[in-house]
Protein backbone atom coordinates (compact mmCIF):
# COMPACT_ATOMS: atom_id res chain seq x y z
CA UNK A 1 -39.68 20.24 -56.04
CA UNK A 2 -43.36 20.77 -56.80
CA UNK A 3 -45.12 24.12 -57.71
CA UNK A 4 -47.02 23.86 -54.47
CA UNK A 5 -43.88 23.84 -52.19
CA UNK A 6 -43.68 27.58 -52.16
CA UNK A 7 -47.26 27.83 -50.60
CA UNK A 8 -46.07 25.70 -47.51
CA UNK A 9 -46.13 28.10 -44.57
CA UNK A 10 -42.63 28.39 -42.87
CA UNK A 11 -41.42 29.74 -39.67
CA UNK A 12 -39.62 33.00 -39.86
CA UNK A 13 -35.98 32.77 -38.69
CA UNK A 14 -36.56 34.56 -35.60
CA UNK A 15 -39.60 32.33 -34.76
CA UNK A 16 -37.44 29.20 -35.53
CA UNK A 17 -34.66 30.42 -33.25
CA UNK A 18 -37.08 31.02 -30.40
CA UNK A 19 -38.46 27.65 -30.86
CA UNK A 20 -35.14 25.95 -30.90
CA UNK A 21 -33.95 27.76 -27.59
CA UNK A 22 -37.41 26.56 -26.08
CA UNK A 23 -36.54 22.97 -27.11
CA UNK A 24 -33.02 23.15 -25.65
CA UNK A 25 -34.23 24.66 -22.26
CA UNK A 26 -36.63 21.68 -22.17
CA UNK A 27 -34.03 19.14 -22.64
CA UNK A 28 -31.67 20.82 -19.96
CA UNK A 29 -34.38 20.37 -17.40
CA UNK A 30 -35.47 17.16 -16.28
CA UNK A 31 -38.71 16.66 -14.66
CA UNK A 32 -38.74 15.33 -10.96
CA UNK A 33 -38.87 11.66 -11.03
CA UNK A 34 -42.27 10.64 -9.41
CA UNK A 35 -40.73 7.44 -8.08
CA UNK A 36 -38.28 9.24 -5.82
CA UNK A 37 -38.81 11.37 -2.70
CA UNK A 38 -37.67 14.87 -3.65
CA UNK A 39 -35.27 16.83 -1.16
CA UNK A 40 -35.14 19.90 -3.41
CA UNK A 41 -37.88 22.30 -2.32
CA UNK A 42 -36.37 25.27 -4.15
CA UNK A 43 -38.47 27.31 -6.44
CA UNK A 44 -37.98 25.97 -10.12
CA UNK A 45 -37.35 22.51 -8.94
CA UNK A 46 -40.66 21.95 -10.65
CA UNK A 47 -40.91 23.88 -13.80
CA UNK A 48 -44.11 25.69 -14.80
CA UNK A 49 -46.74 24.00 -16.81
CA UNK A 50 -48.73 26.69 -18.59
CA UNK A 51 -51.40 24.18 -19.79
CA UNK A 52 -52.18 24.15 -16.02
CA UNK A 53 -52.21 27.87 -15.64
CA UNK A 54 -48.91 27.68 -13.59
CA UNK A 55 -47.11 30.73 -12.94
CA UNK A 56 -44.64 30.62 -10.02
CA UNK A 57 -43.94 33.55 -7.79
CA UNK A 58 -40.51 35.00 -7.73
CA UNK A 59 -38.31 34.00 -4.73
CA UNK A 60 -38.83 37.27 -2.95
CA UNK A 61 -42.62 37.19 -3.00
CA UNK A 62 -42.78 33.41 -2.29
CA UNK A 63 -40.46 33.93 0.80
CA UNK A 64 -42.63 37.05 1.93
CA UNK A 65 -45.94 35.19 1.77
CA UNK A 66 -44.33 32.06 3.62
CA UNK A 67 -42.94 34.26 6.40
CA UNK A 68 -46.44 35.93 6.69
CA UNK A 69 -47.87 32.64 7.03
CA UNK A 70 -45.35 31.52 9.71
CA UNK A 71 -45.76 34.68 11.83
CA UNK A 72 -49.40 34.37 11.70
CA UNK A 73 -49.78 30.81 13.01
CA UNK A 74 -46.99 30.81 15.37
CA UNK A 75 -45.23 27.89 17.22
CA UNK A 76 -46.76 24.65 16.43
CA UNK A 77 -49.16 26.17 13.68
CA UNK A 78 -50.54 24.30 10.77
CA UNK A 79 -50.47 25.87 7.22
CA UNK A 80 -52.43 24.71 4.05
CA UNK A 81 -51.45 25.76 0.70
CA UNK A 82 -54.20 25.37 -1.89
CA UNK A 83 -52.71 25.58 -5.55
CA UNK A 84 -49.81 27.51 -4.00
CA UNK A 85 -46.82 25.35 -4.42
CA UNK A 86 -44.25 28.41 -4.56
CA UNK A 87 -45.30 29.31 -1.12
CA UNK A 88 -45.12 25.48 0.01
CA UNK A 89 -41.67 25.31 -1.31
CA UNK A 90 -40.37 28.36 0.64
CA UNK A 91 -42.03 27.05 3.81
CA UNK A 92 -40.26 23.75 3.28
CA UNK A 93 -36.91 25.60 2.55
CA UNK A 94 -37.14 26.72 6.15
CA UNK A 95 -36.79 23.06 7.47
CA UNK A 96 -38.43 24.07 10.58
CA UNK A 97 -40.33 21.92 13.18
CA UNK A 98 -41.91 24.96 14.55
CA UNK A 99 -44.97 24.60 12.05
CA UNK A 100 -46.38 21.83 9.82
CA UNK A 101 -47.64 22.30 6.23
CA UNK A 102 -49.74 20.66 3.59
CA UNK A 103 -49.95 21.13 -0.20
CA UNK A 104 -53.13 20.80 -2.01
CA UNK A 105 -52.31 20.71 -5.81
CA UNK A 106 -53.69 19.27 -8.95
CA UNK A 107 -50.21 18.81 -10.58
CA UNK A 108 -49.13 15.30 -9.40
CA UNK A 109 -45.46 16.07 -10.01
CA UNK A 110 -45.56 17.23 -6.48
CA UNK A 111 -46.48 13.93 -5.07
CA UNK A 112 -42.87 13.38 -4.76
CA UNK A 113 -42.82 15.60 -1.64
CA UNK A 114 -44.69 12.78 0.36
CA UNK A 115 -47.38 12.53 2.76
CA UNK A 116 -47.70 16.36 2.69
CA UNK A 117 -49.01 16.43 -0.94
CA UNK A 118 -52.72 15.91 -1.52
CA UNK A 119 -54.24 15.73 -4.93
CA UNK A 120 -56.52 18.48 -5.38
CA UNK A 121 -59.08 19.39 -8.09
CA UNK A 122 -61.02 22.67 -7.49
CA UNK A 123 -63.96 21.09 -9.56
CA UNK A 124 -64.45 18.75 -6.59
CA UNK A 125 -63.66 21.07 -3.80
CA UNK A 126 -64.60 18.92 -0.77
CA UNK A 127 -63.26 15.66 -2.17
CA UNK A 128 -60.41 15.47 0.38
CA UNK A 129 -58.92 12.63 2.21
CA UNK A 130 -60.24 11.96 5.68
CA UNK A 131 -57.16 13.16 7.51
CA UNK A 132 -57.88 16.67 6.28
CA UNK A 133 -60.61 17.34 8.88
CA UNK A 134 -62.71 20.39 8.89
CA UNK A 135 -61.08 23.58 10.26
CA UNK A 136 -57.97 21.94 11.07
CA UNK A 137 -55.37 24.58 9.76
CA UNK A 138 -54.42 27.85 11.44
CA UNK A 139 -54.18 29.57 7.86
CA UNK A 140 -54.89 28.54 4.33
CA UNK A 141 -52.85 30.23 1.74
CA UNK A 142 -54.68 29.86 -1.75
CA UNK A 143 -53.99 30.84 -5.33
CA UNK A 144 -56.92 29.66 -7.56
CA UNK A 145 -55.22 28.44 -10.89
CA UNK A 146 -57.88 30.56 -13.02
CA UNK A 147 -59.23 34.14 -12.77
CA UNK A 148 -62.91 33.15 -12.97
CA UNK A 149 -65.72 33.17 -10.50
CA UNK A 150 -66.46 29.67 -10.67
CA UNK A 151 -62.84 28.77 -9.80
CA UNK A 152 -62.84 31.18 -6.93
CA UNK A 153 -66.09 30.17 -5.57
CA UNK A 154 -65.03 26.43 -5.66
CA UNK A 155 -61.74 26.96 -4.09
CA UNK A 156 -63.45 29.28 -1.56
CA UNK A 157 -65.45 26.07 -0.44
CA UNK A 158 -62.08 24.20 0.34
CA UNK A 159 -60.70 27.13 1.98
CA UNK A 160 -63.53 27.62 4.32
CA UNK A 161 -63.49 23.94 5.09
CA UNK A 162 -59.83 23.73 6.09
CA UNK A 163 -59.44 27.00 7.87
CA UNK A 164 -59.95 27.76 11.51
CA UNK A 165 -60.37 31.19 10.37
CA UNK A 166 -57.44 32.94 8.74
CA UNK A 167 -57.08 33.13 4.94
CA UNK A 168 -54.46 34.48 2.70
CA UNK A 169 -55.55 34.73 -0.77
CA UNK A 170 -53.63 35.58 -3.87
CA UNK A 171 -55.41 36.35 -7.27
CA UNK A 172 -56.21 38.89 -9.55
CA UNK A 173 -57.25 42.48 -8.97
CA UNK A 174 -60.05 41.85 -11.30
CA UNK A 175 -61.37 39.28 -8.56
CA UNK A 176 -61.58 41.66 -5.63
CA UNK A 177 -65.42 41.86 -5.38
CA UNK A 178 -65.54 38.02 -5.66
CA UNK A 179 -63.05 37.62 -3.13
CA UNK A 180 -64.82 39.91 -0.57
CA UNK A 181 -67.98 37.93 -1.57
CA UNK A 182 -66.92 34.36 -1.25
CA UNK A 183 -64.09 34.81 1.52
CA UNK A 184 -64.77 38.03 3.18
CA UNK A 185 -61.08 39.16 2.43
CA UNK A 186 -59.72 42.63 1.72
CA UNK A 187 -56.99 43.78 -0.66
CA UNK A 188 -53.50 44.27 0.84
CA UNK A 189 -50.72 46.72 0.13
CA UNK A 190 -48.14 44.16 -0.73
CA UNK A 191 -48.06 43.36 -4.54
CA UNK A 192 -46.79 39.69 -5.51
CA UNK A 193 -44.48 39.27 -8.46
CA UNK A 194 -44.08 36.23 -10.45
CA UNK A 195 -40.96 34.93 -12.40
CA UNK A 196 -42.58 35.72 -15.60
CA UNK A 197 -44.61 38.99 -16.21
CA UNK A 198 -48.39 38.39 -16.24
CA UNK A 199 -50.89 40.46 -18.24
CA UNK A 200 -53.31 40.56 -15.07
CA UNK A 201 -52.24 42.45 -12.01
CA UNK A 202 -52.25 40.39 -8.87
CA UNK A 203 -52.76 41.07 -5.20
CA UNK A 204 -53.01 39.69 -1.83
CA UNK A 205 -56.18 39.61 0.12
CA UNK A 206 -56.62 38.64 4.00
CA UNK A 207 -59.45 38.38 6.43
CA UNK A 208 -57.19 39.43 9.31
CA UNK A 209 -54.89 42.18 10.22
CA UNK A 210 -51.78 41.36 7.98
CA UNK A 211 -48.29 42.31 7.91
CA UNK A 212 -48.52 42.54 4.25
CA UNK A 213 -50.07 45.95 4.51
CA UNK A 214 -46.75 47.18 5.76
CA UNK A 215 -44.72 45.50 3.08
CA UNK A 216 -44.38 47.38 -0.34
């Protein structure tokens, strides 16, 4: 052993144990195979990718938002989920023909969900397939991946293009002013929760009289 070996930085036993636990968890969870159509729409069937700023809602929140969308559009309604896969998964769990839904999402792992998946990059907000015609959805549920004005503004362009009028936005409290500016939405009483605690407080916003104002 050379004299310089003592200078090599080493992880503490606590950090090493945490790292080992992380790798074990990763090995136990297999990514969805992109060559197969996925029939498991439950939350957690696709793991969060923090590099893509993904933070899934907990089951109660996702269900609440999905039910809000369903009740808002009514029978035969169309729901678009923009960067909101947790809500999409809860909608699919309903296995109902009373409404239809579509997921616009950057993460191509969700392509296993078939024709309802649309690759979406907020940097190109109107680069959408021809079948997504203007104002063709009764409500758009959106959760921009980043708490920045640029991300919200570009996502807003997509939302306004797709919706017939109604918007359900989920983003940080710090974006309240920008949300009103770009989408004309107001903050709701309902407080969404995530599977992992986030440093930033999140809220829901709508541009219509929402049932989320009676849910705490």
